[in-house]
Amino acid sequence: MAEYDVIIAGAGLAGSEAAYQLASHGYKVKLIEMRPDKTTPAHESDKFGELVCSNSLKSIDGTTSSGLLKKELSLYGSFLIDTAYKCSVPAGNALAVDRHAFSNIITDTLKNHKNIDVECSELKEMPLDTKTPFLIATGPLTSDDLASDIKEKLGGALYFADAISPIIDAESIDMDKGYFLGRYNKGGDDYFNIPLTEEEYNTFYDDIMNAPKTAFHDFEDIAYFEGCMPIEVMAGRGRNTLAFGPMKPVGLIDPKTNKTPYAVIQLRKENKDATAFNIVGFQTKMTIGAQKEVFRKIPALRTAEFLRFGSVHRNTYIIGPKHLTRYFNFKSNKNLFIAGQITGLEGYVESIAGGLIAALQISRLLENKPFYELPKNTALGCLSDYISGISEFSNGKKYSPSNFHLGMLAPLEKRVKDKKLKKQMQVDIAYNTAKSFYESDVWK
């Protein structure tokens, strides 16, 4: 092990970002990935950086939390964010990617990097006494053996249920039964919209509620993450919940009728060639047979061919504030780091951010320099504070997975009534703070 400067377990989003950052700055990296020898309930390939749920990395709008986080990551030279833009597919104001092109570039780049050695093996135990910097980036789909070891050594780990939407073969969609349009005509005609009448919506709702669901006896009682909730769980909150949620028709006037439909099902392109579409917001735990039956009742999907069925899987995360510092290492051993969704940061971009932050801090450790004190009033600084319990949103409360949001930033000194202007001002202050810090110190 001494021949490597750092060891990274897991070639998902966080591990891949960290490996690239460290290797590109001259450090020798050993990257351990258990796939394809052993896979998970959600992965479909042996590629690095595979997006197992949606192909969307959320908004690129500069006034949003997601937009700010991407800007900061681009400023810091994020390899995965740069790759995402290269592999982007039309999705309005969102950054959606061709997931196969995305993971192919990541895999090829890391496997062919002169400073990275890839080993196919499974990490089964936490290396608590490691003297070589070691990053655990095994993700929320951490193998059972390692998850059990983490639970035993840390005195418990937590779980939440995550869900995946179905993907449909484009050739099997009846394009005459819908229309391409972005909400409020923003971002081009990037989504295919299937309008539903009130009667069709009610039939669809009843079908979802009555459909058989896959049983998950080992984790049925754990919580769902609000940002990725199964469609039938959401529907269980009330008949109109979906019409005000993923099926909201606002801003999607049907050009054939010049009227707003009662409800809309949106499909988003999965790749640049638009040969596959994801059913937006339709994560589900319906059985495969039920998915075929229910979704094929939708007018445009009568002959739908499924390239991937929706599913639910268990995600693991640790109680960050109990064990971690804001440098993404353990309080018990400064050489042992952890990053990604397993830390309690929810979302693709947040996982990438965790990998980048961990890489920055590991580089400081290797150079015998103090860890970076990432500015608090920035997206990356807020994430550092959240996982370590410094943030008011994770301190003294039940710890649960969270995305980065603008509420984590410091309030403006003066009250601003205009909400859009307030967001823009917060984002500008955060980004300028991050820019000044980066230009003065990072990778120096």
Protein backbone atom coordinates (compact mmCIF):
# COMPACT_ATOMS: atom_id res chain seq x y z
CA MET A 1 0.00 0.00 0.00
CA ALA A 2 2.96 2.33 0.60
CA GLU A 3 3.45 2.74 -3.15
CA TYR A 4 0.23 4.78 -3.27
CA ASP A 5 -0.36 8.24 -1.87
CA VAL A 6 -4.04 7.59 -1.35
CA ILE A 7 -6.51 4.70 -1.57
CA ILE A 8 -10.11 5.26 -2.67
CA ALA A 9 -12.85 2.65 -2.32
CA GLY A 10 -15.74 3.20 -4.71
CA ALA A 11 -15.81 4.54 -8.27
CA GLY A 12 -19.17 6.27 -8.09
CA LEU A 13 -19.57 10.02 -8.39
CA ALA A 14 -17.65 11.00 -5.25
CA GLY A 15 -14.88 8.43 -5.68
CA SER A 16 -14.38 9.19 -9.36
CA GLU A 17 -14.19 12.94 -8.76
CA ALA A 18 -11.72 12.49 -5.91
CA ALA A 19 -9.56 10.05 -7.87
CA TYR A 20 -9.31 12.38 -10.85
CA GLN A 21 -8.55 15.45 -8.77
CA LEU A 22 -5.75 13.78 -6.82
CA ALA A 23 -4.28 11.96 -9.80
CA SER A 24 -4.31 15.06 -11.98
CA HIS A 25 -2.32 16.88 -9.32
CA GLY A 26 0.38 14.24 -9.32
CA TYR A 27 -0.64 11.90 -6.50
CA LYS A 28 -0.58 8.12 -6.97
CA VAL A 29 -4.09 6.72 -6.46
CA LYS A 30 -5.32 3.19 -5.92
CA LEU A 31 -9.00 3.03 -6.90
CA ILE A 32 -10.94 0.02 -5.61
CA GLU A 33 -14.29 -0.88 -7.21
CA MET A 34 -16.20 -4.11 -6.58
CA ARG A 35 -18.15 -4.10 -9.84
CA PRO A 36 -18.41 -6.13 -12.05
CA ASP A 37 -17.41 -8.97 -9.69
CA LYS A 38 -20.16 -7.90 -7.32
CA THR A 39 -22.99 -5.56 -8.17
CA THR A 40 -25.84 -3.78 -6.37
CA PRO A 41 -29.65 -3.86 -6.64
CA ALA A 42 -29.63 -0.63 -8.69
CA HIS A 43 -26.50 -0.62 -10.90
CA GLU A 44 -26.83 -1.87 -14.45
CA SER A 45 -23.21 -1.75 -15.60
CA ASP A 46 -19.59 -1.91 -14.43
CA LYS A 47 -18.92 1.68 -15.49
CA PHE A 48 -17.62 4.36 -13.15
CA GLY A 49 -19.86 7.28 -12.17
CA GLU A 50 -23.02 5.44 -13.20
CA LEU A 51 -26.21 7.45 -12.62
CA VAL A 52 -28.57 4.85 -11.21
CA CYS A 53 -31.68 6.98 -10.81
CA SER A 54 -32.52 10.02 -12.94
CA ASN A 55 -30.24 11.37 -15.66
CA SER A 56 -30.82 14.92 -14.41
CA LEU A 57 -28.31 16.90 -12.35
CA LYS A 58 -31.01 19.49 -11.68
CA SER A 59 -31.18 23.20 -12.48
CA ILE A 60 -28.46 25.30 -14.07
CA ASP A 61 -30.33 28.50 -13.22
CA GLY A 62 -27.82 30.80 -11.53
CA THR A 63 -30.31 31.88 -8.87
CA THR A 64 -30.91 28.34 -7.58
CA SER A 65 -28.98 26.30 -5.03
CA SER A 66 -28.21 23.66 -7.64
CA GLY A 67 -27.00 26.29 -10.09
CA LEU A 68 -24.70 27.84 -7.48
CA LEU A 69 -23.25 24.47 -6.49
CA LYS A 70 -22.43 23.67 -10.13
CA LYS A 71 -20.79 27.08 -10.59
CA GLU A 72 -18.58 26.54 -7.57
CA LEU A 73 -17.65 23.05 -8.72
CA SER A 74 -16.77 24.35 -12.19
CA LEU A 75 -14.66 27.05 -10.55
CA TYR A 76 -12.73 24.36 -8.68
CA GLY A 77 -12.24 22.39 -11.90
CA SER A 78 -14.70 19.54 -11.28
CA PHE A 79 -14.03 16.74 -13.76
CA LEU A 80 -17.51 15.25 -13.47
CA ILE A 81 -19.38 18.53 -13.88
CA ASP A 82 -17.27 19.30 -16.95
CA THR A 83 -18.07 15.82 -18.29
CA ALA A 84 -21.78 16.32 -17.59
CA TYR A 85 -21.87 19.46 -19.73
CA LYS A 86 -20.06 17.62 -22.52
CA CYS A 87 -22.67 14.85 -22.39
CA SER A 88 -25.72 17.06 -21.87
CA VAL A 89 -29.05 16.43 -23.54
CA PRO A 90 -31.82 19.05 -23.93
CA ALA A 91 -33.74 19.42 -20.66
CA GLY A 92 -34.84 23.04 -20.38
CA ASN A 93 -33.17 24.74 -17.42
CA ALA A 94 -31.85 21.43 -16.10
CA LEU A 95 -28.51 19.74 -16.75
CA ALA A 96 -29.50 16.27 -17.97
CA VAL A 97 -26.95 13.91 -19.48
CA ASP A 98 -26.62 10.94 -21.75
CA ARG A 99 -25.83 8.65 -18.85
CA HIS A 100 -23.95 6.07 -20.95
CA ALA A 101 -21.69 8.65 -22.59
CA PHE A 102 -21.17 10.24 -19.17
CA SER A 103 -20.01 7.07 -17.43
CA ASN A 104 -17.99 5.92 -20.45
CA ILE A 105 -15.88 9.09 -20.41
CA ILE A 106 -15.33 8.83 -16.65
CA THR A 107 -14.38 5.15 -16.87
CA ASP A 108 -12.01 5.55 -19.81
CA THR A 109 -10.34 8.62 -18.29
CA LEU A 110 -9.69 7.04 -14.90
CA LYS A 111 -8.66 3.61 -16.18
CA ASN A 112 -6.15 5.17 -18.56
CA HIS A 113 -4.75 7.77 -16.16
CA LYS A 114 -1.05 7.23 -15.47
CA ASN A 115 -1.47 7.99 -11.77
CA ILE A 116 -4.45 5.68 -11.12
CA ASP A 117 -4.37 1.92 -10.60
CA VAL A 118 -7.81 0.28 -10.62
CA GLU A 119 -8.42 -2.86 -8.58
CA CYS A 120 -11.61 -4.90 -8.80
CA SER A 121 -12.31 -5.97 -5.24
CA GLU A 122 -14.79 -5.38 -2.43
CA LEU A 123 -13.97 -3.37 0.66
CA LYS A 124 -15.58 -5.34 3.48
CA GLU A 125 -14.24 -3.54 6.54
CA MET A 126 -13.53 0.04 7.53
CA PRO A 127 -9.75 0.59 7.75
CA LEU A 128 -9.99 2.42 11.07
CA ASP A 129 -6.24 2.37 11.74
CA THR A 130 -5.08 3.39 8.26
CA LYS A 131 -1.93 5.47 8.08
CA THR A 132 -2.21 6.00 4.34
CA PRO A 133 -4.94 8.50 3.45
CA PHE A 134 -7.99 6.35 2.67
CA LEU A 135 -11.29 7.59 1.22
CA ILE A 136 -14.47 5.55 1.60
CA ALA A 137 -16.73 6.53 -1.30
CA THR A 138 -18.82 3.38 -1.58
CA GLY A 139 -22.04 5.34 -1.77
CA PRO A 140 -25.55 4.72 -0.48
CA LEU A 141 -25.50 1.31 -2.18
CA THR A 142 -22.59 0.15 -0.01
CA SER A 143 -22.34 -3.65 0.05
CA ASP A 144 -23.98 -5.56 2.89
CA ASP A 145 -20.65 -6.64 4.41
CA LEU A 146 -19.23 -3.12 4.59
CA ALA A 147 -22.56 -1.64 5.70
CA SER A 148 -22.69 -4.16 8.56
CA ASP A 149 -19.10 -3.36 9.53
CA ILE A 150 -19.84 0.38 9.49
CA LYS A 151 -22.90 -0.17 11.65
CA GLU A 152 -20.92 -2.24 14.15
CA LYS A 153 -17.91 0.08 14.37
CA LEU A 154 -19.78 3.37 14.37
CA GLY A 155 -22.52 2.22 16.70
CA GLY A 156 -25.22 2.34 14.04
CA ALA A 157 -25.91 3.49 10.50
CA LEU A 158 -29.12 4.84 9.02
CA TYR A 159 -31.11 3.98 5.93
CA PHE A 160 -33.65 5.55 3.63
CA ALA A 161 -35.46 4.17 0.62
CA ASP A 162 -34.65 5.58 -2.80
CA ALA A 163 -36.52 4.98 -6.03
CA ILE A 164 -35.94 4.86 -9.80
CA SER A 165 -38.21 5.90 -12.70
CA PRO A 166 -38.90 3.72 -15.74
CA ILE A 167 -37.20 4.38 -19.10
CA ILE A 168 -39.14 3.92 -22.34
CA ASP A 169 -37.92 3.10 -25.86
CA ALA A 170 -38.64 6.23 -27.95
CA GLU A 171 -39.85 4.23 -30.94
CA SER A 172 -42.63 2.71 -28.84
CA ILE A 173 -44.07 6.11 -27.83
CA ASP A 174 -47.03 7.48 -29.83
CA MET A 175 -45.77 11.02 -30.44
CA ASP A 176 -49.16 12.03 -31.89
CA LYS A 177 -50.67 11.71 -28.40
CA GLY A 178 -48.54 14.48 -26.89
CA TYR A 179 -46.39 17.50 -27.65
CA PHE A 180 -42.85 18.78 -27.11
CA LEU A 181 -42.69 21.85 -24.91
CA GLY A 182 -40.69 23.24 -22.01
CA ARG A 183 -42.63 24.63 -19.07
CA TYR A 184 -43.52 28.28 -19.82
CA ASN A 185 -41.61 27.83 -23.11
CA LYS A 186 -38.31 27.96 -21.21
CA GLY A 187 -35.30 26.08 -22.44
CA GLY A 188 -36.76 24.97 -25.77
CA ASP A 189 -39.05 22.08 -26.57
CA ASP A 190 -37.05 19.61 -24.51
CA TYR A 191 -39.79 17.59 -22.81
CA PHE A 192 -42.46 15.39 -24.36
CA ASN A 193 -45.76 16.10 -22.61
CA ILE A 194 -48.67 13.68 -22.45
CA PRO A 195 -51.89 15.55 -21.55
CA LEU A 196 -54.54 13.85 -19.43
CA THR A 197 -58.18 14.79 -18.94
CA GLU A 198 -59.66 14.74 -15.45
CA GLU A 199 -61.23 11.36 -16.18
CA GLU A 200 -57.94 9.94 -17.46
CA TYR A 201 -56.10 11.33 -14.45
CA ASN A 202 -58.56 9.76 -12.00
CA THR A 203 -58.33 6.40 -13.76
CA PHE A 204 -54.54 6.59 -13.65
CA TYR A 205 -54.61 7.51 -9.96
CA ASP A 206 -56.90 4.59 -9.09
CA ASP A 207 -54.73 2.19 -11.08
CA ILE A 208 -51.61 3.29 -9.18
CA MET A 209 -53.30 2.92 -5.80
CA ASN A 210 -54.72 -0.52 -6.61
CA ALA A 211 -51.63 -1.94 -8.34
CA PRO A 212 -49.59 -4.64 -6.56
CA LYS A 213 -46.33 -3.36 -5.06
CA THR A 214 -43.00 -5.06 -4.56
CA ALA A 215 -42.51 -6.07 -0.93
CA PHE A 216 -39.31 -4.99 0.82
CA HIS A 217 -39.53 -6.69 4.16
CA ASP A 218 -35.94 -5.84 5.13
CA PHE A 219 -36.46 -2.08 4.97
CA GLU A 220 -40.14 -1.37 4.42
CA ASP A 221 -40.43 0.77 7.55
CA ILE A 222 -37.58 3.19 6.76
CA ALA A 223 -38.19 6.69 5.46
CA TYR A 224 -38.31 7.85 1.86
CA PHE A 225 -36.30 10.84 0.73
CA GLU A 226 -38.78 13.57 -0.20
CA GLY A 227 -36.91 14.44 -3.40
CA CYS A 228 -37.16 10.91 -4.80
CA MET A 229 -40.40 9.48 -3.48
CA PRO A 230 -42.24 6.60 -5.18
CA ILE A 231 -45.24 7.82 -7.14
CA GLU A 232 -47.67 5.61 -5.23
CA VAL A 233 -46.37 6.82 -1.85
CA MET A 234 -46.94 10.38 -2.98
CA ALA A 235 -50.36 9.47 -4.34
CA GLY A 236 -51.27 8.02 -0.95
CA ARG A 237 -51.26 11.56 0.46
CA GLY A 238 -54.40 12.43 -1.49
CA ARG A 239 -56.06 12.18 -4.89
CA ASN A 240 -54.86 15.59 -6.07
CA THR A 241 -51.27 15.29 -4.84
CA LEU A 242 -49.87 14.16 -8.20
CA ALA A 243 -51.74 16.90 -10.09
CA PHE A 244 -49.90 19.44 -7.94
CA GLY A 245 -46.63 17.50 -8.05
CA PRO A 246 -44.93 15.66 -10.95
CA MET A 247 -48.09 15.86 -13.08
CA LYS A 248 -48.58 19.61 -12.62
CA PRO A 249 -49.75 21.07 -15.98
CA VAL A 250 -48.96 24.73 -15.23
CA GLY A 251 -47.04 26.38 -18.07
CA LEU A 252 -47.66 23.48 -20.49
CA ILE A 253 -50.49 24.65 -22.74
CA ASP A 254 -51.50 22.00 -25.26
CA PRO A 255 -50.92 23.55 -28.75
CA LYS A 256 -53.71 21.38 -30.18
CA THR A 257 -56.35 22.82 -27.87
CA ASN A 258 -54.69 26.04 -26.67
CA LYS A 259 -55.75 24.99 -23.19
CA THR A 260 -53.93 23.82 -20.07
CA PRO A 261 -54.59 20.08 -19.54
CA TYR A 262 -55.94 18.76 -16.27
CA ALA A 263 -52.65 16.92 -15.74
CA VAL A 264 -49.48 16.15 -17.69
CA ILE A 265 -47.00 13.29 -17.72
CA GLN A 266 -43.57 14.51 -18.84
CA LEU A 267 -40.90 12.44 -20.56
CA ARG A 268 -37.27 13.61 -20.62
CA LYS A 269 -34.66 12.55 -23.17
CA GLU A 270 -32.18 9.99 -21.85
CA ASN A 271 -29.52 10.46 -24.54
CA LYS A 272 -28.40 12.79 -27.31
CA ASP A 273 -30.06 10.70 -30.02
CA ALA A 274 -33.39 10.77 -28.12
CA THR A 275 -33.83 7.01 -28.49
CA ALA A 276 -34.97 6.67 -24.88
CA PHE A 277 -37.11 8.74 -22.51
CA ASN A 278 -37.35 8.82 -18.71
CA ILE A 279 -40.79 9.26 -17.12
CA VAL A 280 -40.10 12.35 -15.01
CA GLY A 281 -40.89 12.01 -11.32
CA PHE A 282 -42.38 8.53 -11.68
CA GLN A 283 -40.20 6.57 -9.29
CA THR A 284 -42.17 3.48 -8.37
CA LYS A 285 -42.28 0.30 -6.34
CA MET A 286 -45.07 -1.25 -8.42
CA THR A 287 -44.28 -4.76 -9.61
CA ILE A 288 -42.96 -5.11 -13.16
CA GLY A 289 -46.26 -6.58 -14.32
CA ALA A 290 -48.18 -3.71 -12.75
CA GLN A 291 -45.89 -1.12 -14.36
CA LYS A 292 -46.56 -2.57 -17.79
CA GLU A 293 -50.31 -2.61 -17.20
CA VAL A 294 -50.64 0.81 -15.57
CA PHE A 295 -48.29 2.83 -17.77
CA ARG A 296 -49.62 1.27 -20.98
CA LYS A 297 -53.04 2.72 -20.17
CA ILE A 298 -51.55 6.19 -20.73
CA PRO A 299 -52.64 7.34 -24.23
CA ALA A 300 -49.15 7.83 -25.67
CA LEU A 301 -47.72 4.71 -24.02
CA ARG A 302 -50.17 2.05 -25.22
CA THR A 303 -47.35 0.10 -26.89
CA ALA A 304 -44.53 1.21 -24.60
CA GLU A 305 -41.41 -0.93 -24.49
CA PHE A 306 -39.52 -0.60 -21.22
CA LEU A 307 -35.74 -0.31 -21.34
CA ARG A 308 -35.68 -0.14 -17.54
CA PHE A 309 -38.44 -0.66 -15.02
CA GLY A 310 -38.87 1.50 -11.96
CA SER A 311 -37.62 0.13 -8.65
CA VAL A 312 -36.86 0.93 -5.02
CA HIS A 313 -33.60 0.26 -3.20
CA ARG A 314 -32.13 0.84 0.22
CA ASN A 315 -29.60 3.64 0.74
CA THR A 316 -27.12 3.70 3.62
CA TYR A 317 -25.76 6.80 5.35
CA ILE A 318 -23.84 7.45 8.55
CA ILE A 319 -24.61 9.96 11.30
CA GLY A 320 -22.16 12.57 10.07
CA PRO A 321 -22.14 15.00 13.01
CA LYS A 322 -21.30 12.18 15.41
CA HIS A 323 -18.23 10.98 13.52
CA LEU A 324 -16.99 13.55 10.99
CA THR A 325 -15.12 16.84 10.88
CA ARG A 326 -15.88 19.52 8.29
CA TYR A 327 -12.84 18.24 6.37
CA PHE A 328 -14.69 15.01 5.48
CA ASN A 329 -12.42 12.87 7.67
CA PHE A 330 -13.20 10.94 10.83
CA LYS A 331 -12.68 12.46 14.25
CA SER A 332 -11.07 9.18 15.32
CA ASN A 333 -8.47 9.10 12.51
CA LYS A 334 -7.47 12.09 10.40
CA ASN A 335 -6.26 9.74 7.63
CA LEU A 336 -9.66 8.12 7.09
CA PHE A 337 -12.04 10.11 4.89
CA ILE A 338 -15.55 9.49 3.61
CA ALA A 339 -17.54 11.23 0.86
CA GLY A 340 -20.69 10.96 -1.22
CA GLN A 341 -24.26 10.15 -0.30
CA ILE A 342 -23.11 7.82 2.46
CA THR A 343 -22.25 10.97 4.46
CA GLY A 344 -25.84 12.20 4.32
CA LEU A 345 -25.48 14.52 1.32
CA GLU A 346 -28.38 13.79 -0.98
CA GLY A 347 -28.08 14.29 -4.74
CA TYR A 348 -25.72 13.70 -7.63
CA VAL A 349 -24.09 17.13 -7.56
CA GLU A 350 -23.72 17.04 -3.77
CA SER A 351 -21.95 13.67 -4.10
CA ILE A 352 -19.55 15.11 -6.67
CA ALA A 353 -18.94 18.05 -4.34
CA GLY A 354 -18.14 15.71 -1.45
CA GLY A 355 -15.56 13.89 -3.57
CA LEU A 356 -13.93 17.14 -4.63
CA ILE A 357 -13.80 18.49 -1.07
CA ALA A 358 -12.31 15.24 0.23
CA ALA A 359 -9.65 15.36 -2.51
CA LEU A 360 -8.73 18.93 -1.57
CA GLN A 361 -8.35 18.01 2.08
CA ILE A 362 -6.39 14.82 1.34
CA SER A 363 -3.96 16.86 -0.76
CA ARG A 364 -3.35 19.13 2.24
CA LEU A 365 -2.75 16.13 4.47
CA LEU A 366 -0.23 14.72 1.99
CA GLU A 367 1.59 18.06 1.90
CA ASN A 368 1.62 18.32 5.72
CA LYS A 369 -0.37 21.53 5.52
CA PRO A 370 -3.46 22.59 7.52
CA PHE A 371 -6.78 21.52 6.05
CA TYR A 372 -8.59 24.03 3.87
CA GLU A 373 -11.12 26.09 5.79
CA LEU A 374 -13.67 26.35 2.99
CA PRO A 375 -15.60 29.61 3.46
CA LYS A 376 -18.83 29.03 5.34
CA ASN A 377 -20.94 31.31 3.17
CA THR A 378 -20.39 29.19 0.05
CA ALA A 379 -22.06 26.03 -1.22
CA LEU A 380 -19.00 23.85 -0.54
CA GLY A 381 -18.52 25.40 2.89
CA CYS A 382 -22.17 24.78 3.77
CA LEU A 383 -21.88 21.11 2.80
CA SER A 384 -18.78 20.80 5.00
CA ASP A 385 -20.70 22.29 7.90
CA TYR A 386 -23.75 20.08 7.30
CA ILE A 387 -22.02 16.70 7.47
CA SER A 388 -20.06 17.72 10.57
CA GLY A 389 -22.99 19.15 12.54
CA ILE A 390 -21.71 22.72 12.52
CA SER A 391 -24.70 23.80 10.45
CA GLU A 392 -27.88 24.74 12.29
CA PHE A 393 -29.68 22.39 9.92
CA SER A 394 -27.82 19.33 11.22
CA ASN A 395 -26.84 20.37 14.76
CA GLY A 396 -29.07 19.16 17.57
CA LYS A 397 -31.62 17.62 15.24
CA LYS A 398 -32.28 14.14 13.93
CA TYR A 399 -29.69 13.80 11.17
CA SER A 400 -31.15 13.03 7.77
CA PRO A 401 -30.01 13.26 4.12
CA SER A 402 -30.17 16.75 2.63
CA ASN A 403 -29.46 18.57 -0.59
CA PHE A 404 -27.67 21.89 -0.51
CA HIS A 405 -30.20 24.74 -0.33
CA LEU A 406 -29.93 28.52 -0.19
CA GLY A 407 -31.25 28.55 3.37
CA MET A 408 -27.86 27.20 4.44
CA LEU A 409 -26.22 30.46 3.35
CA ALA A 410 -25.90 33.44 5.69
CA PRO A 411 -28.86 35.84 5.53
CA LEU A 412 -28.38 39.18 3.81
CA GLU A 413 -27.43 42.09 6.06
CA LYS A 414 -30.40 44.07 4.83
CA ARG A 415 -33.87 42.73 4.20
CA VAL A 416 -34.80 42.39 0.53
CA LYS A 417 -38.49 41.98 -0.30
CA ASP A 418 -38.05 40.88 -3.90
CA LYS A 419 -37.51 37.09 -3.61
CA LYS A 420 -35.78 36.73 -6.97
CA LEU A 421 -33.43 39.61 -6.23
CA LYS A 422 -32.73 38.18 -2.77
CA LYS A 423 -31.73 34.82 -4.25
CA GLN A 424 -29.53 36.47 -6.85
CA MET A 425 -27.78 38.55 -4.20
CA GLN A 426 -27.18 35.51 -1.98
CA VAL A 427 -25.80 33.51 -4.90
CA ASP A 428 -23.54 36.35 -6.06
CA ILE A 429 -22.08 36.84 -2.57
CA ALA A 430 -21.48 33.09 -2.17
CA TYR A 431 -19.88 32.66 -5.59
CA ASN A 432 -17.64 35.72 -5.26
CA THR A 433 -16.55 34.47 -1.84
CA ALA A 434 -15.73 31.06 -3.30
CA LYS A 435 -13.88 32.66 -6.22
CA SER A 436 -11.71 34.82 -3.96
CA PHE A 437 -10.83 31.84 -1.78
CA TYR A 438 -10.06 29.59 -4.74
CA GLU A 439 -7.84 32.12 -6.46
CA SER A 440 -5.93 32.90 -3.27
CA ASP A 441 -5.18 29.42 -1.95
CA VAL A 442 -6.56 26.30 -3.63
CA TRP A 443 -4.04 23.81 -5.09
CA LYS A 444 -1.23 26.25 -4.36
